[in-house]
Amino acid sequence: MPFVRVNDVDLFTTDEHHTGEAVVLVHGSWDDHTAWNGVAPLLCERFRVVRYDRRGYGRTERPAGPRLRRQDEDDLAGLIEELGCAPAHVVGNSIGGSTALALALRRPELFCSLTIHEPPLIGAASAQPRLRRQLDEVQATIGSAAAQLRDGDLVGGAKRFVEDVALGPGAWQELPPEVREEVVRNAPGFLGDVEDPGWADLGLAGSVRIGCPVLVTWGSQSPSWLREVATFVAGRIDGAQSRQLEGSGHLPHMTHPQEYAAIVEDFLASTRAAAS
């Protein structure tokens, strides 16, 4: 079952079975389901683990025309329903975390728990005066990287995003060559993400309640804006747990898979204990 038909799109999907509860992993921009290669085998020891390529990424179709985050949300909902996973534990990184959070606000019945790492909800957090200037600069840099991609400079745009937005100076050369190739290959998917005018926003002007346990994490080595936004998001969700991951950055599932898998498992165990 490599493909699941959802919302008129064939989503490339891996469904690694276990008798336990379902955990659905949602990747961010610039990568695909393989970003979870270090974490999925560890979670499979106790859970049914579902991974997929979001529309426009990896082996999933790339429909013509603009893409809205709402479509990604509906894809995630459709996948959970089609596979009979509901309610599922959902784990999302970066914009995959934004997608999962937005869906949880609309469709809480699909979620058993929600774990998100550094959702880049710049628009939501920029309402805070102390963050506005910094986040406006981040938005401008993202726009410049996207413009490079549209002009055909895929490597330059990818490098700019990696070093000036997500990971920090010098990070591009530190990435393994195969990872750099994957990032460039998925550049059109990133463009699809940020061409949605509402990609960085969510209704978080006040507190929100989600009908499941929520964990928001950020890395101690991440750029300050990502840490600030994650902290803001955690503070807007009633009852959310939050945690700084020491020594990791924006991609803990790739750089520290054992530690990250353990954090996810501990959180899921705590949700079961609270429910019993």
Protein backbone atom coordinates (compact mmCIF):
# COMPACT_ATOMS: atom_id res chain seq x y z
CA MET A 1 0.00 0.00 0.00
CA PRO A 2 2.54 2.62 -1.06
CA PHE A 3 -0.15 5.14 -2.08
CA VAL A 4 -3.35 6.22 -0.38
CA ARG A 5 -5.91 8.19 -2.37
CA VAL A 6 -7.00 11.24 -0.37
CA ASN A 7 -8.68 14.42 -1.64
CA ASP A 8 -7.93 13.54 -5.27
CA VAL A 9 -4.22 13.14 -4.54
CA ASP A 10 -2.21 9.92 -4.20
CA LEU A 11 -0.19 10.30 -1.00
CA PHE A 12 2.91 8.13 -0.83
CA THR A 13 2.56 6.37 2.50
CA THR A 14 4.43 3.87 4.66
CA ASP A 15 2.39 2.05 7.27
CA GLU A 16 4.62 0.12 9.63
CA HIS A 17 2.30 -2.07 11.64
CA HIS A 18 2.36 -2.85 15.32
CA THR A 19 -0.43 -3.86 17.62
CA GLY A 20 -0.16 -0.56 19.50
CA GLU A 21 -1.73 2.82 18.91
CA ALA A 22 -1.12 4.73 15.67
CA VAL A 23 1.53 7.46 15.47
CA VAL A 24 1.38 9.64 12.34
CA LEU A 25 4.57 11.54 11.48
CA VAL A 26 4.25 14.78 9.48
CA HIS A 27 7.40 16.16 7.86
CA GLY A 28 8.23 19.82 7.32
CA SER A 29 9.44 21.75 4.27
CA TRP A 30 12.36 20.74 2.07
CA ASP A 31 12.20 17.03 2.96
CA ASP A 32 9.80 14.07 2.86
CA HIS A 33 8.86 10.96 4.84
CA THR A 34 12.48 9.77 4.85
CA ALA A 35 13.33 12.55 7.33
CA TRP A 36 11.86 10.22 9.96
CA ASN A 37 14.12 7.28 9.08
CA GLY A 38 15.97 7.49 12.39
CA VAL A 39 12.85 7.77 14.55
CA ALA A 40 10.32 5.46 12.89
CA PRO A 41 12.11 2.15 13.61
CA LEU A 42 12.38 3.08 17.28
CA LEU A 43 8.70 3.98 17.59
CA CYS A 44 7.71 0.82 15.70
CA GLU A 45 8.75 -1.23 18.69
CA ARG A 46 5.56 -0.08 20.46
CA PHE A 47 3.37 1.70 17.93
CA ARG A 48 1.88 1.49 14.48
CA VAL A 49 3.87 4.17 12.65
CA VAL A 50 2.47 5.97 9.59
CA ARG A 51 4.62 8.26 7.47
CA TYR A 52 3.73 10.00 4.24
CA ASP A 53 4.96 12.54 1.71
CA ARG A 54 2.87 15.69 1.86
CA ARG A 55 1.42 16.88 -1.45
CA GLY A 56 4.18 18.37 -3.57
CA TYR A 57 6.91 16.38 -1.81
CA GLY A 58 8.79 13.15 -2.38
CA ARG A 59 6.79 10.58 -4.33
CA THR A 60 3.40 12.21 -3.75
CA GLU A 61 1.76 14.04 -6.62
CA ARG A 62 2.49 17.69 -7.26
CA PRO A 63 -0.85 19.10 -8.45
CA ALA A 64 -0.71 22.19 -10.60
CA GLY A 65 -1.64 25.56 -9.16
CA PRO A 66 -1.26 27.12 -5.71
CA ARG A 67 -1.41 24.98 -2.59
CA LEU A 68 -3.04 26.00 0.67
CA ARG A 69 -2.15 24.71 4.12
CA ARG A 70 -5.84 23.86 4.46
CA GLN A 71 -5.30 21.24 1.75
CA ASP A 72 -2.43 19.72 3.72
CA GLU A 73 -4.65 19.71 6.80
CA ASP A 74 -7.41 17.93 4.89
CA ASP A 75 -4.89 15.45 3.49
CA LEU A 76 -3.75 14.58 7.01
CA ALA A 77 -7.35 14.20 8.15
CA GLY A 78 -8.21 12.03 5.16
CA LEU A 79 -5.16 9.84 5.67
CA ILE A 80 -6.00 9.23 9.34
CA GLU A 81 -9.57 8.36 8.41
CA GLU A 82 -8.69 6.23 5.38
CA LEU A 83 -6.24 4.13 7.38
CA GLY A 84 -8.59 3.78 10.33
CA CYS A 85 -6.10 5.44 12.69
CA ALA A 86 -8.41 7.80 14.53
CA PRO A 87 -7.79 8.94 17.13
CA ALA A 88 -4.06 9.03 16.40
CA HIS A 89 -0.96 10.40 18.07
CA VAL A 90 0.34 12.99 15.59
CA VAL A 91 3.93 14.24 15.58
CA GLY A 92 4.84 17.16 13.32
CA ASN A 93 8.06 19.02 12.60
CA SER A 94 8.24 22.64 11.44
CA ILE A 95 5.45 23.41 8.96
CA GLY A 96 4.26 19.85 9.47
CA GLY A 97 3.69 20.91 13.06
CA SER A 98 1.75 23.96 11.91
CA THR A 99 -0.40 21.72 9.73
CA ALA A 100 -1.08 19.26 12.53
CA LEU A 101 -1.91 22.03 15.02
CA ALA A 102 -4.30 23.72 12.60
CA LEU A 103 -6.08 20.43 11.98
CA ALA A 104 -6.28 19.65 15.71
CA LEU A 105 -8.09 22.94 16.25
CA ARG A 106 -10.66 21.99 13.60
CA ARG A 107 -10.89 18.22 14.03
CA PRO A 108 -9.91 17.31 17.61
CA GLU A 109 -11.70 13.96 17.38
CA LEU A 110 -8.91 12.72 15.08
CA PHE A 111 -6.23 13.23 17.73
CA CYS A 112 -5.18 11.19 20.73
CA SER A 113 -2.23 13.54 21.31
CA LEU A 114 -0.23 16.18 19.43
CA THR A 115 3.55 16.71 19.51
CA ILE A 116 4.97 19.62 17.49
CA HIS A 117 8.52 20.89 17.15
CA GLU A 118 9.09 24.54 16.25
CA PRO A 119 6.02 25.33 14.13
CA PRO A 120 7.05 28.45 12.17
CA LEU A 121 3.90 30.48 12.86
CA ILE A 122 5.63 33.79 12.30
CA GLY A 123 2.46 35.68 11.46
CA ALA A 124 0.75 34.62 14.67
CA ALA A 125 3.71 35.47 16.91
CA SER A 126 4.56 38.78 15.20
CA ALA A 127 1.53 40.34 16.93
CA GLN A 128 3.83 40.48 19.97
CA PRO A 129 5.57 43.91 19.80
CA ARG A 130 8.88 42.59 21.13
CA LEU A 131 9.04 39.99 18.35
CA ARG A 132 7.70 42.02 15.43
CA ARG A 133 10.96 43.42 14.07
CA GLN A 134 12.85 40.13 14.30
CA LEU A 135 10.05 38.15 12.68
CA ASP A 136 9.54 40.73 9.93
CA GLU A 137 13.21 40.25 9.05
CA VAL A 138 12.75 36.47 8.99
CA GLN A 139 9.74 36.84 6.71
CA ALA A 140 11.76 39.03 4.37
CA THR A 141 14.59 36.49 4.22
CA ILE A 142 12.15 33.68 3.48
CA GLY A 143 10.69 35.81 0.71
CA SER A 144 14.16 36.40 -0.76
CA ALA A 145 14.96 32.68 -0.70
CA ALA A 146 11.64 31.94 -2.41
CA ALA A 147 12.42 34.56 -5.07
CA GLN A 148 15.76 32.86 -5.80
CA LEU A 149 13.95 29.57 -6.27
CA ARG A 150 11.41 31.11 -8.63
CA ASP A 151 14.31 32.54 -10.66
CA GLY A 152 15.73 29.03 -11.02
CA ASP A 153 18.53 29.30 -8.47
CA LEU A 154 17.50 26.20 -6.52
CA VAL A 155 20.85 25.66 -4.81
CA GLY A 156 21.27 29.33 -3.86
CA GLY A 157 17.72 29.61 -2.53
CA ALA A 158 18.04 26.38 -0.57
CA LYS A 159 21.37 27.41 0.92
CA ARG A 160 20.01 30.81 1.90
CA PHE A 161 17.04 29.26 3.67
CA VAL A 162 19.15 26.69 5.50
CA GLU A 163 21.76 29.17 6.70
CA ASP A 164 19.76 32.38 7.18
CA VAL A 165 16.44 30.97 8.37
CA ALA A 166 16.48 27.43 9.73
CA LEU A 167 19.88 26.13 10.82
CA GLY A 168 22.43 28.94 10.95
CA PRO A 169 25.61 30.12 9.17
CA GLY A 170 27.78 27.37 7.74
CA ALA A 171 25.07 24.73 8.09
CA TRP A 172 24.76 24.11 4.34
CA GLN A 173 28.27 22.68 4.00
CA GLU A 174 27.81 20.61 7.14
CA LEU A 175 24.85 18.78 5.62
CA PRO A 176 25.74 15.44 3.96
CA PRO A 177 25.73 15.71 0.15
CA GLU A 178 22.71 13.42 -0.15
CA VAL A 179 20.75 15.65 2.24
CA ARG A 180 21.66 18.77 0.24
CA GLU A 181 20.44 17.00 -2.90
CA GLU A 182 17.16 16.10 -1.21
CA VAL A 183 16.66 19.68 -0.04
CA VAL A 184 17.15 21.01 -3.58
CA ARG A 185 14.88 18.32 -5.00
CA ASN A 186 12.09 19.33 -2.65
CA ALA A 187 12.46 23.07 -3.28
CA PRO A 188 9.20 23.20 -5.32
CA GLY A 189 7.36 21.79 -2.32
CA PHE A 190 8.68 24.59 -0.13
CA LEU A 191 7.52 27.14 -2.70
CA GLY A 192 4.08 25.59 -2.55
CA ASP A 193 4.08 25.94 1.23
CA VAL A 194 4.97 29.64 1.34
CA GLU A 195 2.82 30.69 -1.60
CA ASP A 196 -0.21 30.28 0.65
CA PRO A 197 -0.76 33.79 2.09
CA GLY A 198 -1.78 32.26 5.41
CA TRP A 199 1.02 29.71 5.75
CA ALA A 200 2.60 31.44 8.78
CA ASP A 201 -0.56 32.41 10.61
CA LEU A 202 -3.16 30.76 12.82
CA GLY A 203 -5.89 32.07 15.08
CA LEU A 204 -3.79 32.38 18.23
CA ALA A 205 -4.66 35.94 19.32
CA GLY A 206 -5.92 34.46 22.59
CA SER A 207 -5.76 31.13 24.34
CA VAL A 208 -7.03 28.07 22.47
CA ARG A 209 -8.11 24.69 23.76
CA ILE A 210 -7.41 21.41 22.01
CA GLY A 211 -9.18 18.27 23.10
CA CYS A 212 -6.02 16.20 23.56
CA PRO A 213 -2.66 16.44 25.33
CA VAL A 214 -0.17 18.70 23.52
CA LEU A 215 3.63 18.89 23.69
CA VAL A 216 5.49 21.79 22.06
CA THR A 217 9.28 21.51 21.79
CA TRP A 218 12.17 23.60 20.56
CA GLY A 219 15.92 23.08 20.30
CA SER A 220 18.48 24.91 22.39
CA GLN A 221 20.64 25.29 19.26
CA SER A 222 17.87 26.57 16.99
CA PRO A 223 17.87 30.18 15.76
CA SER A 224 16.35 32.44 18.39
CA TRP A 225 13.27 33.25 16.31
CA LEU A 226 12.25 29.59 16.16
CA ARG A 227 12.62 29.26 19.91
CA GLU A 228 10.61 32.44 20.48
CA VAL A 229 7.78 31.36 18.18
CA ALA A 230 7.59 27.88 19.72
CA THR A 231 7.45 29.40 23.19
CA PHE A 232 4.69 31.75 22.05
CA VAL A 233 2.67 28.89 20.54
CA ALA A 234 3.03 26.76 23.67
CA GLY A 235 1.80 29.66 25.79
CA ARG A 236 -1.34 30.05 23.67
CA ILE A 237 -2.50 26.42 24.03
CA ASP A 238 -4.33 25.75 27.27
CA GLY A 239 -2.64 22.98 29.23
CA ALA A 240 0.15 22.41 26.70
CA GLN A 241 3.41 20.96 27.93
CA SER A 242 6.60 22.51 26.60
CA ARG A 243 10.21 21.41 26.56
CA GLN A 244 13.55 22.67 25.31
CA LEU A 245 15.63 19.93 23.73
CA GLU A 246 19.19 20.48 24.85
CA GLY A 247 21.87 20.23 22.18
CA SER A 248 19.51 19.93 19.23
CA GLY A 249 18.19 22.37 16.66
CA HIS A 250 15.34 22.49 14.17
CA LEU A 251 15.62 18.85 13.11
CA PRO A 252 15.98 16.73 16.26
CA HIS A 253 14.38 13.71 14.59
CA MET A 254 17.29 13.71 12.13
CA THR A 255 20.21 14.84 14.29
CA HIS A 256 19.22 13.18 17.59
CA PRO A 257 16.74 10.43 16.63
CA GLN A 258 17.19 8.23 19.69
CA GLU A 259 16.79 11.11 22.11
CA TYR A 260 13.83 12.52 20.20
CA ALA A 261 12.07 9.16 19.96
CA ALA A 262 12.51 8.72 23.71
CA ILE A 263 10.94 12.15 24.37
CA VAL A 264 7.97 11.31 22.16
CA GLU A 265 7.51 7.91 23.82
CA ASP A 266 7.70 9.43 27.29
CA PHE A 267 5.05 11.98 26.37
CA LEU A 268 2.76 9.35 24.87
CA ALA A 269 3.19 7.20 27.96
CA SER A 270 2.19 10.15 30.12
CA THR A 271 -0.97 10.66 28.06
CA ARG A 272 -1.96 7.03 28.59
CA ALA A 273 -1.29 7.29 32.31
CA ALA A 274 -3.40 10.44 32.56
CA ALA A 275 -6.26 8.77 30.69
CA SER A 276 -6.29 5.65 32.86
